[in-house]
Amino acid sequence: MSAISPEHLLEQLRWRYATKQFDPTAKIPDALWSALEAALVLAPSSLDLQPWIFIVVDAPATRKALRSHSRDQPQVTDASRLVVFAARRDIDEAYIARFLDRVAEVRNVSPESLGGVREKLVGYMIRGPLHAVAADWAAHQAYIALGTFLFSAALLGVDTCPLEGIEHAQYDAVLGLEPLGLRTVVVAAAGRRQSTDAYAKEAKVRFRTEDVILRR
């Protein structure tokens, strides 16, 4: 049943922390990065709709511009990789149709056979109660993808740091997201910690299990 040992899982989760100092000379190997990109693609989402785009920012000039809108956090420029998690501003019928076309392609069924699913999704996302809060819903889904990314990186021994202290509108402007119908939600830096990062040596502080898990 277990793909990895419980001990290894907990060891890696205890090992990870929000890295404050990345080694700017350390690059994530291509094979590891390809796996992390695949983990993003495989991230779960409500209704499987995947209302997101992940922007991998490599250009140094773009990283520098984003750092100026990130409270000068050095992770933005020093990490090996930077991922901006962007949510779709609107889920319309065209997007749902595109998603169902992909379902038909992957599962080798006819698009016509998915008519009932189409009606359900349109009724829920566009005509139903979710339409009024679709933007918040999409942002929440992006955080699910963020969690998948952080967890996957920990298992692979890659350091990460989620970043929320950013100017979202400025990120959108630098990356040209608004014309694409996207908005910045959160950012994650990934790479290898500096040996001088004091936070790596601090004990991880969590409430006791009985303080955060209720059993009924």
N, C-alpha and C. Protein backbone atom coordinates (compact mmCIF):
# COMPACT_ATOMS: atom_id res chain seq x y z
N MET A 1 0.83 -1.21 0.00
CA MET A 1 0.00 0.00 0.00
C MET A 1 0.86 1.26 0.00
N SER A 2 1.96 1.24 0.76
CA SER A 2 2.77 2.44 0.92
C SER A 2 3.85 2.52 -0.14
N ALA A 3 3.85 3.64 -0.92
CA ALA A 3 4.88 3.83 -1.95
C ALA A 3 6.22 4.22 -1.33
N ILE A 4 6.19 4.93 -0.23
CA ILE A 4 7.39 5.26 0.52
C ILE A 4 7.11 4.95 1.99
N SER A 5 8.15 4.86 2.77
CA SER A 5 7.94 4.54 4.17
C SER A 5 7.39 5.75 4.93
N PRO A 6 6.57 5.51 5.93
CA PRO A 6 6.09 6.62 6.76
C PRO A 6 7.24 7.42 7.37
N GLU A 7 8.31 6.72 7.72
CA GLU A 7 9.46 7.41 8.32
C GLU A 7 10.09 8.39 7.34
N HIS A 8 10.21 7.96 6.07
CA HIS A 8 10.82 8.84 5.07
C HIS A 8 9.94 10.06 4.80
N LEU A 9 8.65 9.84 4.73
CA LEU A 9 7.71 10.95 4.54
C LEU A 9 7.88 11.99 5.63
N LEU A 10 7.84 11.56 6.88
CA LEU A 10 7.93 12.50 7.99
C LEU A 10 9.31 13.14 8.08
N GLU A 11 10.33 12.39 7.72
CA GLU A 11 11.68 12.94 7.73
C GLU A 11 11.78 14.12 6.77
N GLN A 12 11.22 13.98 5.58
CA GLN A 12 11.31 15.05 4.59
C GLN A 12 10.43 16.24 4.97
N LEU A 13 9.28 15.97 5.58
CA LEU A 13 8.44 17.08 6.01
C LEU A 13 9.07 17.84 7.17
N ARG A 14 9.80 17.16 8.01
CA ARG A 14 10.52 17.85 9.08
C ARG A 14 11.74 18.59 8.54
N TRP A 15 12.29 18.08 7.45
CA TRP A 15 13.48 18.70 6.84
C TRP A 15 13.14 20.02 6.17
N ARG A 16 11.97 20.10 5.54
CA ARG A 16 11.64 21.30 4.78
C ARG A 16 11.30 22.47 5.70
N TYR A 17 11.54 23.65 5.21
CA TYR A 17 11.17 24.88 5.91
C TYR A 17 11.08 25.97 4.87
N ALA A 18 10.56 27.11 5.24
CA ALA A 18 10.46 28.23 4.31
C ALA A 18 11.85 28.87 4.18
N THR A 19 12.56 28.49 3.16
CA THR A 19 13.96 28.89 2.99
C THR A 19 14.06 30.40 2.78
N LYS A 20 14.89 31.02 3.58
CA LYS A 20 15.07 32.48 3.50
C LYS A 20 16.28 32.86 2.65
N GLN A 21 17.29 32.01 2.64
CA GLN A 21 18.51 32.29 1.86
C GLN A 21 18.78 31.11 0.92
N PHE A 22 18.69 31.40 -0.38
CA PHE A 22 19.02 30.39 -1.38
C PHE A 22 20.44 30.61 -1.89
N ASP A 23 21.09 29.52 -2.24
CA ASP A 23 22.40 29.59 -2.88
C ASP A 23 22.20 29.95 -4.35
N PRO A 24 22.57 31.15 -4.77
CA PRO A 24 22.30 31.56 -6.16
C PRO A 24 23.12 30.79 -7.19
N THR A 25 24.13 30.06 -6.75
CA THR A 25 24.95 29.28 -7.70
C THR A 25 24.43 27.86 -7.87
N ALA A 26 23.49 27.44 -7.03
CA ALA A 26 23.00 26.06 -7.07
C ALA A 26 21.76 25.97 -7.95
N LYS A 27 21.83 25.16 -8.97
CA LYS A 27 20.72 24.99 -9.90
C LYS A 27 20.05 23.63 -9.68
N ILE A 28 18.74 23.63 -9.74
CA ILE A 28 18.01 22.38 -9.63
C ILE A 28 18.28 21.54 -10.88
N PRO A 29 18.72 20.29 -10.72
CA PRO A 29 18.95 19.43 -11.89
C PRO A 29 17.71 19.32 -12.77
N ASP A 30 17.92 19.21 -14.07
CA ASP A 30 16.80 19.19 -15.01
C ASP A 30 15.79 18.09 -14.71
N ALA A 31 16.29 16.90 -14.34
CA ALA A 31 15.37 15.79 -14.09
C ALA A 31 14.46 16.09 -12.90
N LEU A 32 15.03 16.70 -11.86
CA LEU A 32 14.22 17.05 -10.70
C LEU A 32 13.21 18.12 -11.06
N TRP A 33 13.65 19.12 -11.82
CA TRP A 33 12.72 20.19 -12.18
C TRP A 33 11.60 19.68 -13.07
N SER A 34 11.92 18.79 -14.00
CA SER A 34 10.88 18.22 -14.85
C SER A 34 9.84 17.50 -14.02
N ALA A 35 10.30 16.79 -12.97
CA ALA A 35 9.37 16.10 -12.09
C ALA A 35 8.49 17.09 -11.34
N LEU A 36 9.06 18.21 -10.92
CA LEU A 36 8.28 19.20 -10.18
C LEU A 36 7.27 19.90 -11.09
N GLU A 37 7.64 20.14 -12.34
CA GLU A 37 6.67 20.70 -13.27
C GLU A 37 5.53 19.70 -13.51
N ALA A 38 5.89 18.42 -13.61
CA ALA A 38 4.85 17.39 -13.79
C ALA A 38 3.95 17.33 -12.57
N ALA A 39 4.52 17.52 -11.38
CA ALA A 39 3.71 17.53 -10.16
C ALA A 39 2.70 18.67 -10.20
N LEU A 40 3.11 19.82 -10.73
CA LEU A 40 2.17 20.94 -10.86
C LEU A 40 1.02 20.56 -11.79
N VAL A 41 1.36 19.95 -12.91
CA VAL A 41 0.32 19.55 -13.87
C VAL A 41 -0.63 18.54 -13.24
N LEU A 42 -0.11 17.68 -12.36
CA LEU A 42 -0.92 16.64 -11.74
C LEU A 42 -1.67 17.11 -10.48
N ALA A 43 -1.49 18.35 -10.09
CA ALA A 43 -2.13 18.85 -8.87
C ALA A 43 -3.65 18.72 -8.96
N PRO A 44 -4.30 18.33 -7.86
CA PRO A 44 -5.76 18.19 -7.88
C PRO A 44 -6.47 19.53 -7.83
N SER A 45 -7.67 19.55 -8.36
CA SER A 45 -8.49 20.76 -8.29
C SER A 45 -9.96 20.37 -8.25
N SER A 46 -10.77 21.25 -7.71
CA SER A 46 -12.21 21.00 -7.64
C SER A 46 -12.79 20.84 -9.03
N LEU A 47 -13.59 19.81 -9.21
CA LEU A 47 -14.23 19.50 -10.49
C LEU A 47 -13.22 19.19 -11.59
N ASP A 48 -11.95 19.05 -11.21
CA ASP A 48 -10.86 18.79 -12.16
C ASP A 48 -10.66 19.94 -13.15
N LEU A 49 -11.17 21.13 -12.87
CA LEU A 49 -11.16 22.20 -13.87
C LEU A 49 -9.82 22.91 -14.02
N GLN A 50 -8.93 22.77 -13.05
CA GLN A 50 -7.57 23.33 -13.17
C GLN A 50 -7.58 24.81 -13.60
N PRO A 51 -8.17 25.68 -12.79
CA PRO A 51 -8.33 27.08 -13.20
C PRO A 51 -7.08 27.91 -12.95
N TRP A 52 -5.98 27.47 -13.49
CA TRP A 52 -4.70 28.10 -13.18
C TRP A 52 -3.73 28.05 -14.34
N ILE A 53 -2.69 28.85 -14.22
CA ILE A 53 -1.50 28.77 -15.07
C ILE A 53 -0.31 28.95 -14.13
N PHE A 54 0.75 28.20 -14.37
CA PHE A 54 1.97 28.32 -13.58
C PHE A 54 3.03 28.98 -14.45
N ILE A 55 3.51 30.14 -14.02
CA ILE A 55 4.50 30.87 -14.79
C ILE A 55 5.87 30.64 -14.19
N VAL A 56 6.73 29.95 -14.92
CA VAL A 56 8.11 29.71 -14.48
C VAL A 56 8.95 30.88 -14.99
N VAL A 57 9.45 31.67 -14.05
CA VAL A 57 10.16 32.91 -14.40
C VAL A 57 11.66 32.66 -14.30
N ASP A 58 12.34 32.64 -15.45
CA ASP A 58 13.78 32.40 -15.48
C ASP A 58 14.59 33.64 -15.85
N ALA A 59 13.99 34.55 -16.61
CA ALA A 59 14.74 35.71 -17.10
C ALA A 59 15.23 36.57 -15.93
N PRO A 60 16.54 36.81 -15.81
CA PRO A 60 17.06 37.60 -14.69
C PRO A 60 16.44 39.00 -14.60
N ALA A 61 16.21 39.66 -15.73
CA ALA A 61 15.64 41.01 -15.70
C ALA A 61 14.22 40.98 -15.14
N THR A 62 13.47 39.95 -15.50
CA THR A 62 12.10 39.83 -14.99
C THR A 62 12.12 39.53 -13.50
N ARG A 63 13.04 38.67 -13.09
CA ARG A 63 13.17 38.36 -11.66
C ARG A 63 13.50 39.63 -10.88
N LYS A 64 14.41 40.43 -11.41
CA LYS A 64 14.80 41.67 -10.74
C LYS A 64 13.61 42.61 -10.61
N ALA A 65 12.83 42.71 -11.68
CA ALA A 65 11.64 43.58 -11.64
C ALA A 65 10.64 43.07 -10.61
N LEU A 66 10.45 41.77 -10.54
CA LEU A 66 9.50 41.21 -9.58
C LEU A 66 9.98 41.38 -8.14
N ARG A 67 11.29 41.30 -7.95
CA ARG A 67 11.82 41.49 -6.58
C ARG A 67 11.48 42.88 -6.06
N SER A 68 11.46 43.86 -6.93
CA SER A 68 11.13 45.22 -6.49
C SER A 68 9.67 45.34 -6.07
N HIS A 69 8.86 44.35 -6.42
CA HIS A 69 7.45 44.32 -6.01
C HIS A 69 7.20 43.19 -5.01
N SER A 70 8.27 42.77 -4.33
CA SER A 70 8.19 41.64 -3.39
C SER A 70 8.85 41.98 -2.06
N ARG A 71 8.78 43.24 -1.68
CA ARG A 71 9.41 43.69 -0.44
C ARG A 71 10.90 43.35 -0.43
N ASP A 72 11.50 43.35 -1.61
CA ASP A 72 12.94 43.09 -1.77
C ASP A 72 13.36 41.74 -1.18
N GLN A 73 12.47 40.78 -1.21
CA GLN A 73 12.82 39.45 -0.71
C GLN A 73 13.82 38.79 -1.65
N PRO A 74 15.00 38.40 -1.14
CA PRO A 74 16.06 37.90 -2.02
C PRO A 74 15.75 36.58 -2.68
N GLN A 75 14.81 35.83 -2.13
CA GLN A 75 14.47 34.54 -2.74
C GLN A 75 14.03 34.69 -4.19
N VAL A 76 13.42 35.83 -4.51
CA VAL A 76 12.89 36.04 -5.86
C VAL A 76 13.99 35.98 -6.91
N THR A 77 15.16 36.52 -6.60
CA THR A 77 16.26 36.52 -7.56
C THR A 77 17.29 35.43 -7.30
N ASP A 78 17.41 34.97 -6.06
CA ASP A 78 18.50 34.04 -5.72
C ASP A 78 18.14 32.58 -5.92
N ALA A 79 16.87 32.24 -5.86
CA ALA A 79 16.47 30.84 -6.00
C ALA A 79 16.74 30.35 -7.42
N SER A 80 16.94 29.05 -7.54
CA SER A 80 17.16 28.46 -8.86
C SER A 80 15.95 28.65 -9.76
N ARG A 81 14.76 28.50 -9.19
CA ARG A 81 13.54 28.63 -9.97
C ARG A 81 12.50 29.45 -9.22
N LEU A 82 11.68 30.16 -9.96
CA LEU A 82 10.59 30.94 -9.38
C LEU A 82 9.31 30.61 -10.14
N VAL A 83 8.28 30.25 -9.39
CA VAL A 83 7.00 29.92 -10.00
C VAL A 83 5.93 30.88 -9.49
N VAL A 84 5.23 31.51 -10.40
CA VAL A 84 4.10 32.36 -10.05
C VAL A 84 2.83 31.56 -10.33
N PHE A 85 2.00 31.43 -9.30
CA PHE A 85 0.74 30.70 -9.41
C PHE A 85 -0.35 31.72 -9.76
N ALA A 86 -0.87 31.61 -10.96
CA ALA A 86 -1.88 32.56 -11.43
C ALA A 86 -3.22 31.85 -11.60
N ALA A 87 -4.28 32.52 -11.19
CA ALA A 87 -5.63 31.96 -11.30
C ALA A 87 -6.37 32.63 -12.45
N ARG A 88 -7.26 31.90 -13.05
CA ARG A 88 -8.08 32.46 -14.12
C ARG A 88 -9.11 33.43 -13.52
N ARG A 89 -9.26 34.56 -14.19
CA ARG A 89 -10.20 35.57 -13.71
C ARG A 89 -11.64 35.16 -13.93
N ASP A 90 -11.87 34.31 -14.92
CA ASP A 90 -13.24 33.93 -15.22
C ASP A 90 -13.25 32.54 -15.84
N ILE A 91 -14.17 31.74 -15.40
CA ILE A 91 -14.39 30.43 -16.01
C ILE A 91 -15.66 30.53 -16.85
N ASP A 92 -15.52 30.54 -18.18
CA ASP A 92 -16.68 30.70 -19.05
C ASP A 92 -16.98 29.39 -19.78
N GLU A 93 -18.00 29.43 -20.62
CA GLU A 93 -18.40 28.22 -21.33
C GLU A 93 -17.32 27.75 -22.29
N ALA A 94 -16.58 28.69 -22.86
CA ALA A 94 -15.50 28.31 -23.77
C ALA A 94 -14.42 27.52 -23.04
N TYR A 95 -14.12 27.93 -21.80
CA TYR A 95 -13.10 27.21 -21.03
C TYR A 95 -13.60 25.81 -20.67
N ILE A 96 -14.85 25.72 -20.27
CA ILE A 96 -15.42 24.41 -19.94
C ILE A 96 -15.41 23.50 -21.17
N ALA A 97 -15.74 24.05 -22.34
CA ALA A 97 -15.71 23.27 -23.57
C ALA A 97 -14.30 22.78 -23.87
N ARG A 98 -13.31 23.65 -23.66
CA ARG A 98 -11.92 23.25 -23.88
C ARG A 98 -11.51 22.13 -22.93
N PHE A 99 -11.93 22.23 -21.66
CA PHE A 99 -11.62 21.19 -20.70
C PHE A 99 -12.24 19.87 -21.12
N LEU A 100 -13.50 19.89 -21.55
CA LEU A 100 -14.17 18.65 -21.93
C LEU A 100 -13.61 18.06 -23.21
N ASP A 101 -13.11 18.91 -24.09
CA ASP A 101 -12.42 18.41 -25.28
C ASP A 101 -11.18 17.62 -24.87
N ARG A 102 -10.50 18.11 -23.85
CA ARG A 102 -9.32 17.40 -23.35
C ARG A 102 -9.72 16.09 -22.67
N VAL A 103 -10.82 16.10 -21.93
CA VAL A 103 -11.32 14.86 -21.33
C VAL A 103 -11.60 13.83 -22.42
N ALA A 104 -12.27 14.25 -23.49
CA ALA A 104 -12.60 13.33 -24.58
C ALA A 104 -11.33 12.78 -25.22
N GLU A 105 -10.32 13.64 -25.39
CA GLU A 105 -9.07 13.21 -26.00
C GLU A 105 -8.34 12.18 -25.13
N VAL A 106 -8.21 12.48 -23.84
CA VAL A 106 -7.43 11.62 -22.95
C VAL A 106 -8.14 10.29 -22.70
N ARG A 107 -9.46 10.33 -22.55
CA ARG A 107 -10.21 9.13 -22.21
C ARG A 107 -10.79 8.41 -23.43
N ASN A 108 -10.50 8.96 -24.60
CA ASN A 108 -10.91 8.33 -25.85
C ASN A 108 -12.42 8.10 -25.91
N VAL A 109 -13.13 9.18 -25.62
CA VAL A 109 -14.59 9.15 -25.74
C VAL A 109 -15.02 10.29 -26.65
N SER A 110 -16.24 10.26 -27.11
CA SER A 110 -16.71 11.33 -27.99
C SER A 110 -17.10 12.55 -27.16
N PRO A 111 -16.88 13.75 -27.68
CA PRO A 111 -17.32 14.96 -26.97
C PRO A 111 -18.82 14.95 -26.71
N GLU A 112 -19.57 14.35 -27.63
CA GLU A 112 -21.03 14.32 -27.47
C GLU A 112 -21.44 13.52 -26.24
N SER A 113 -20.65 12.52 -25.88
CA SER A 113 -20.99 11.69 -24.73
C SER A 113 -20.85 12.43 -23.42
N LEU A 114 -20.21 13.60 -23.47
CA LEU A 114 -19.97 14.38 -22.26
C LEU A 114 -20.98 15.52 -22.10
N GLY A 115 -22.05 15.46 -22.86
CA GLY A 115 -23.04 16.54 -22.80
C GLY A 115 -23.62 16.73 -21.41
N GLY A 116 -23.88 15.64 -20.70
CA GLY A 116 -24.43 15.76 -19.35
C GLY A 116 -23.44 16.41 -18.40
N VAL A 117 -22.17 16.07 -18.56
CA VAL A 117 -21.14 16.70 -17.72
C VAL A 117 -21.05 18.19 -18.03
N ARG A 118 -21.13 18.51 -19.32
CA ARG A 118 -21.08 19.92 -19.72
C ARG A 118 -22.20 20.72 -19.06
N GLU A 119 -23.40 20.18 -19.09
CA GLU A 119 -24.53 20.88 -18.49
C GLU A 119 -24.34 21.04 -16.98
N LYS A 120 -23.81 20.03 -16.35
CA LYS A 120 -23.58 20.10 -14.91
C LYS A 120 -22.56 21.19 -14.58
N LEU A 121 -21.46 21.22 -15.33
CA LEU A 121 -20.41 22.21 -15.06
C LEU A 121 -20.90 23.63 -15.36
N VAL A 122 -21.57 23.79 -16.48
CA VAL A 122 -22.08 25.12 -16.83
C VAL A 122 -23.11 25.56 -15.80
N GLY A 123 -23.98 24.65 -15.39
CA GLY A 123 -24.99 25.00 -14.41
C GLY A 123 -24.40 25.39 -13.07
N TYR A 124 -23.32 24.73 -12.69
CA TYR A 124 -22.71 25.00 -11.39
C TYR A 124 -21.78 26.21 -11.42
N MET A 125 -20.95 26.28 -12.46
CA MET A 125 -19.92 27.31 -12.51
C MET A 125 -20.42 28.64 -13.06
N ILE A 126 -21.38 28.61 -13.95
CA ILE A 126 -21.77 29.84 -14.66
C ILE A 126 -23.17 30.29 -14.30
N ARG A 127 -24.09 29.38 -14.23
CA ARG A 127 -25.47 29.76 -13.92
C ARG A 127 -25.80 29.60 -12.45
N GLY A 128 -24.94 28.91 -11.73
CA GLY A 128 -25.23 28.58 -10.35
C GLY A 128 -24.52 29.45 -9.33
N PRO A 129 -24.48 28.99 -8.08
CA PRO A 129 -23.98 29.82 -6.97
C PRO A 129 -22.49 30.09 -7.02
N LEU A 130 -21.73 29.27 -7.73
CA LEU A 130 -20.28 29.47 -7.73
C LEU A 130 -19.85 30.64 -8.60
N HIS A 131 -20.71 31.05 -9.52
CA HIS A 131 -20.32 32.12 -10.46
C HIS A 131 -19.95 33.41 -9.73
N ALA A 132 -20.68 33.75 -8.68
CA ALA A 132 -20.46 35.01 -7.98
C ALA A 132 -19.13 35.02 -7.22
N VAL A 133 -18.62 33.85 -6.90
CA VAL A 133 -17.37 33.77 -6.11
C VAL A 133 -16.29 33.02 -6.89
N ALA A 134 -16.42 32.99 -8.21
CA ALA A 134 -15.50 32.18 -9.03
C ALA A 134 -14.05 32.62 -8.88
N ALA A 135 -13.82 33.93 -8.73
CA ALA A 135 -12.44 34.40 -8.61
C ALA A 135 -11.79 33.89 -7.33
N ASP A 136 -12.53 33.96 -6.23
CA ASP A 136 -12.01 33.43 -4.96
C ASP A 136 -11.83 31.92 -5.04
N TRP A 137 -12.77 31.25 -5.67
CA TRP A 137 -12.68 29.81 -5.83
C TRP A 137 -11.41 29.42 -6.59
N ALA A 138 -11.13 30.13 -7.68
CA ALA A 138 -9.94 29.83 -8.48
C ALA A 138 -8.66 30.06 -7.68
N ALA A 139 -8.65 31.13 -6.87
CA ALA A 139 -7.47 31.40 -6.03
C ALA A 139 -7.26 30.29 -5.02
N HIS A 140 -8.34 29.78 -4.43
CA HIS A 140 -8.22 28.67 -3.49
C HIS A 140 -7.64 27.44 -4.16
N GLN A 141 -8.02 27.20 -5.42
CA GLN A 141 -7.47 26.06 -6.15
C GLN A 141 -5.96 26.22 -6.37
N ALA A 142 -5.52 27.45 -6.60
CA ALA A 142 -4.09 27.70 -6.79
C ALA A 142 -3.30 27.33 -5.55
N TYR A 143 -3.90 27.53 -4.38
CA TYR A 143 -3.21 27.15 -3.14
C TYR A 143 -3.10 25.63 -3.00
N ILE A 144 -4.07 24.90 -3.55
CA ILE A 144 -3.94 23.44 -3.56
C ILE A 144 -2.72 23.05 -4.40
N ALA A 145 -2.55 23.70 -5.55
CA ALA A 145 -1.39 23.42 -6.39
C ALA A 145 -0.09 23.81 -5.68
N LEU A 146 -0.12 24.92 -4.96
CA LEU A 146 1.06 25.32 -4.19
C LEU A 146 1.44 24.24 -3.19
N GLY A 147 0.45 23.73 -2.46
CA GLY A 147 0.73 22.68 -1.49
C GLY A 147 1.32 21.45 -2.15
N THR A 148 0.78 21.08 -3.32
CA THR A 148 1.33 19.94 -4.06
C THR A 148 2.78 20.18 -4.42
N PHE A 149 3.09 21.39 -4.84
CA PHE A 149 4.45 21.74 -5.24
C PHE A 149 5.41 21.68 -4.05
N LEU A 150 5.03 22.28 -2.94
CA LEU A 150 5.89 22.29 -1.76
C LEU A 150 6.12 20.87 -1.24
N PHE A 151 5.07 20.07 -1.21
CA PHE A 151 5.16 18.70 -0.73
C PHE A 151 6.06 17.86 -1.64
N SER A 152 5.86 17.99 -2.95
CA SER A 152 6.66 17.23 -3.91
C SER A 152 8.12 17.62 -3.84
N ALA A 153 8.38 18.92 -3.71
CA ALA A 153 9.76 19.38 -3.61
C ALA A 153 10.44 18.81 -2.36
N ALA A 154 9.71 18.77 -1.25
CA ALA A 154 10.28 18.23 -0.02
C ALA A 154 10.67 16.77 -0.20
N LEU A 155 9.81 16.00 -0.87
CA LEU A 155 10.12 14.58 -1.09
C LEU A 155 11.36 14.41 -1.97
N LEU A 156 11.59 15.36 -2.86
CA LEU A 156 12.75 15.28 -3.75
C LEU A 156 13.99 15.96 -3.18
N GLY A 157 13.87 16.52 -1.98
CA GLY A 157 15.02 17.18 -1.36
C GLY A 157 15.33 18.54 -1.94
N VAL A 158 14.31 19.20 -2.48
CA VAL A 158 14.47 20.54 -3.04
C VAL A 158 13.89 21.56 -2.07
N ASP A 159 14.67 22.58 -1.75
CA ASP A 159 14.21 23.62 -0.83
C ASP A 159 13.23 24.56 -1.52
N THR A 160 12.27 25.05 -0.75
CA THR A 160 11.28 25.96 -1.31
C THR A 160 10.92 27.04 -0.30
N CYS A 161 10.28 28.08 -0.81
CA CYS A 161 9.71 29.12 0.06
C CYS A 161 8.49 29.72 -0.62
N PRO A 162 7.31 29.58 -0.02
CA PRO A 162 6.14 30.27 -0.57
C PRO A 162 6.22 31.75 -0.22
N LEU A 163 5.80 32.60 -1.14
CA LEU A 163 5.91 34.05 -0.96
C LEU A 163 4.55 34.70 -1.19
N GLU A 164 4.03 35.33 -0.15
CA GLU A 164 2.78 36.08 -0.27
C GLU A 164 3.00 37.59 -0.14
N GLY A 165 4.13 38.00 0.36
CA GLY A 165 4.38 39.42 0.54
C GLY A 165 4.77 40.10 -0.75
N ILE A 166 3.82 40.13 -1.68
CA ILE A 166 4.08 40.66 -3.02
C ILE A 166 2.98 41.65 -3.40
N GLU A 167 3.27 42.48 -4.39
CA GLU A 167 2.28 43.39 -4.94
C GLU A 167 1.64 42.71 -6.15
N HIS A 168 0.47 42.16 -5.93
CA HIS A 168 -0.14 41.30 -6.94
C HIS A 168 -0.38 42.02 -8.27
N ALA A 169 -0.91 43.23 -8.20
CA ALA A 169 -1.20 43.97 -9.44
C ALA A 169 0.07 44.25 -10.22
N GLN A 170 1.16 44.54 -9.51
CA GLN A 170 2.43 44.80 -10.19
C GLN A 170 3.00 43.54 -10.82
N TYR A 171 2.83 42.42 -10.15
CA TYR A 171 3.22 41.13 -10.76
C TYR A 171 2.44 40.92 -12.06
N ASP A 172 1.13 41.17 -11.99
CA ASP A 172 0.31 41.01 -13.19
C ASP A 172 0.83 41.88 -14.33
N ALA A 173 1.22 43.11 -14.00
CA ALA A 173 1.70 44.04 -15.02
C ALA A 173 3.04 43.58 -15.61
N VAL A 174 3.97 43.20 -14.75
CA VAL A 174 5.29 42.76 -15.22
C VAL A 174 5.17 41.53 -16.11
N LEU A 175 4.29 40.62 -15.74
CA LEU A 175 4.17 39.35 -16.47
C LEU A 175 3.12 39.39 -17.58
N GLY A 176 2.42 40.52 -17.71
CA GLY A 176 1.41 40.66 -18.77
C GLY A 176 0.24 39.71 -18.61
N LEU A 177 -0.26 39.57 -17.39
CA LEU A 177 -1.27 38.56 -17.12
C LEU A 177 -2.70 39.01 -17.41
N GLU A 178 -3.00 40.29 -17.20
CA GLU A 178 -4.40 40.72 -17.34
C GLU A 178 -4.97 40.43 -18.73
N PRO A 179 -4.23 40.72 -19.82
CA PRO A 179 -4.79 40.40 -21.14
C PRO A 179 -5.03 38.91 -21.35
N LEU A 180 -4.37 38.08 -20.55
CA LEU A 180 -4.55 36.63 -20.65
C LEU A 180 -5.68 36.12 -19.76
N GLY A 181 -6.33 37.04 -19.05
CA GLY A 181 -7.41 36.64 -18.16
C GLY A 181 -6.92 35.96 -16.91
N LEU A 182 -5.72 36.34 -16.45
CA LEU A 182 -5.11 35.72 -15.28
C LEU A 182 -4.78 36.76 -14.23
N ARG A 183 -4.63 36.30 -12.98
CA ARG A 183 -4.17 37.18 -11.91
C ARG A 183 -3.26 36.41 -10.98
N THR A 184 -2.25 37.09 -10.48
CA THR A 184 -1.29 36.47 -9.57
C THR A 184 -1.96 36.15 -8.24
N VAL A 185 -1.68 34.96 -7.71
CA VAL A 185 -2.21 34.54 -6.42
C VAL A 185 -1.09 34.42 -5.39
N VAL A 186 -0.07 33.64 -5.70
CA VAL A 186 1.01 33.38 -4.77
C VAL A 186 2.24 32.96 -5.57
N VAL A 187 3.40 32.97 -4.93
CA VAL A 187 4.66 32.67 -5.60
C VAL A 187 5.41 31.62 -4.78
N ALA A 188 6.20 30.81 -5.46
CA ALA A 188 7.07 29.86 -4.77
C ALA A 188 8.46 29.90 -5.38
N ALA A 189 9.47 30.01 -4.52
CA ALA A 189 10.86 29.94 -4.96
C ALA A 189 11.39 28.55 -4.63
N ALA A 190 12.29 28.04 -5.46
CA ALA A 190 12.83 26.69 -5.24
C ALA A 190 14.30 26.66 -5.59
N GLY A 191 15.05 25.91 -4.81
CA GLY A 191 16.48 25.79 -5.06
C GLY A 191 17.16 25.03 -3.95
N ARG A 192 18.33 25.53 -3.53
CA ARG A 192 19.06 24.90 -2.43
C ARG A 192 19.41 25.96 -1.40
N ARG A 193 19.18 25.63 -0.16
CA ARG A 193 19.43 26.56 0.94
C ARG A 193 20.91 26.90 1.08
N GLN A 194 21.16 28.12 1.51
CA GLN A 194 22.51 28.53 1.86
C GLN A 194 22.88 27.94 3.22
N SER A 195 24.13 27.57 3.37
CA SER A 195 24.57 27.02 4.66
C SER A 195 24.49 28.06 5.76
N THR A 196 24.42 29.34 5.38
CA THR A 196 24.36 30.42 6.37
C THR A 196 22.93 30.77 6.80
N ASP A 197 21.93 30.08 6.22
CA ASP A 197 20.54 30.39 6.56
C ASP A 197 20.23 29.85 7.95
N ALA A 198 20.16 30.75 8.91
CA ALA A 198 19.96 30.34 10.30
C ALA A 198 18.63 29.64 10.52
N TYR A 199 17.63 29.96 9.68
CA TYR A 199 16.31 29.35 9.85
C TYR A 199 16.35 27.84 9.64
N ALA A 200 17.32 27.36 8.88
CA ALA A 200 17.41 25.92 8.63
C ALA A 200 17.77 25.14 9.88
N LYS A 201 18.41 25.81 10.82
CA LYS A 201 18.87 25.13 12.03
C LYS A 201 17.88 25.24 13.19
N GLU A 202 16.84 26.03 13.02
CA GLU A 202 15.87 26.20 14.09
C GLU A 202 14.90 25.03 14.13
N ALA A 203 14.54 24.62 15.34
CA ALA A 203 13.58 23.53 15.50
C ALA A 203 12.22 23.94 14.92
N LYS A 204 11.60 23.01 14.23
CA LYS A 204 10.27 23.27 13.66
C LYS A 204 9.25 23.31 14.80
N VAL A 205 8.49 24.38 14.87
CA VAL A 205 7.52 24.56 15.95
C VAL A 205 6.11 24.29 15.42
N ARG A 206 5.48 23.29 15.97
CA ARG A 206 4.09 22.98 15.62
C ARG A 206 3.34 22.69 16.91
N PHE A 207 2.04 22.97 16.92
CA PHE A 207 1.23 22.57 18.06
C PHE A 207 1.24 21.05 18.18
N ARG A 208 0.97 20.57 19.37
CA ARG A 208 0.88 19.12 19.58
C ARG A 208 -0.28 18.54 18.76
N THR A 209 -0.13 17.28 18.42
CA THR A 209 -1.15 16.61 17.62
C THR A 209 -2.53 16.76 18.23
N GLU A 210 -2.63 16.57 19.54
CA GLU A 210 -3.94 16.64 20.19
C GLU A 210 -4.52 18.05 20.19
N ASP A 211 -3.70 19.06 19.90
CA ASP A 211 -4.19 20.42 19.86
C ASP A 211 -4.77 20.80 18.49
N VAL A 212 -4.45 20.01 17.47
CA VAL A 212 -4.89 20.41 16.12
C VAL A 212 -5.70 19.33 15.42
N ILE A 213 -5.76 18.13 15.96
CA ILE A 213 -6.56 17.07 15.36
C ILE A 213 -7.65 16.64 16.33
N LEU A 214 -8.89 16.83 15.89
CA LEU A 214 -10.04 16.40 16.69
C LEU A 214 -10.51 15.04 16.19
N ARG A 215 -10.92 14.21 17.10
CA ARG A 215 -11.41 12.87 16.74
C ARG A 215 -12.84 12.74 17.24
N ARG A 216 -13.69 12.30 16.37
CA ARG A 216 -15.11 12.15 16.70
C ARG A 216 -15.60 10.73 16.41
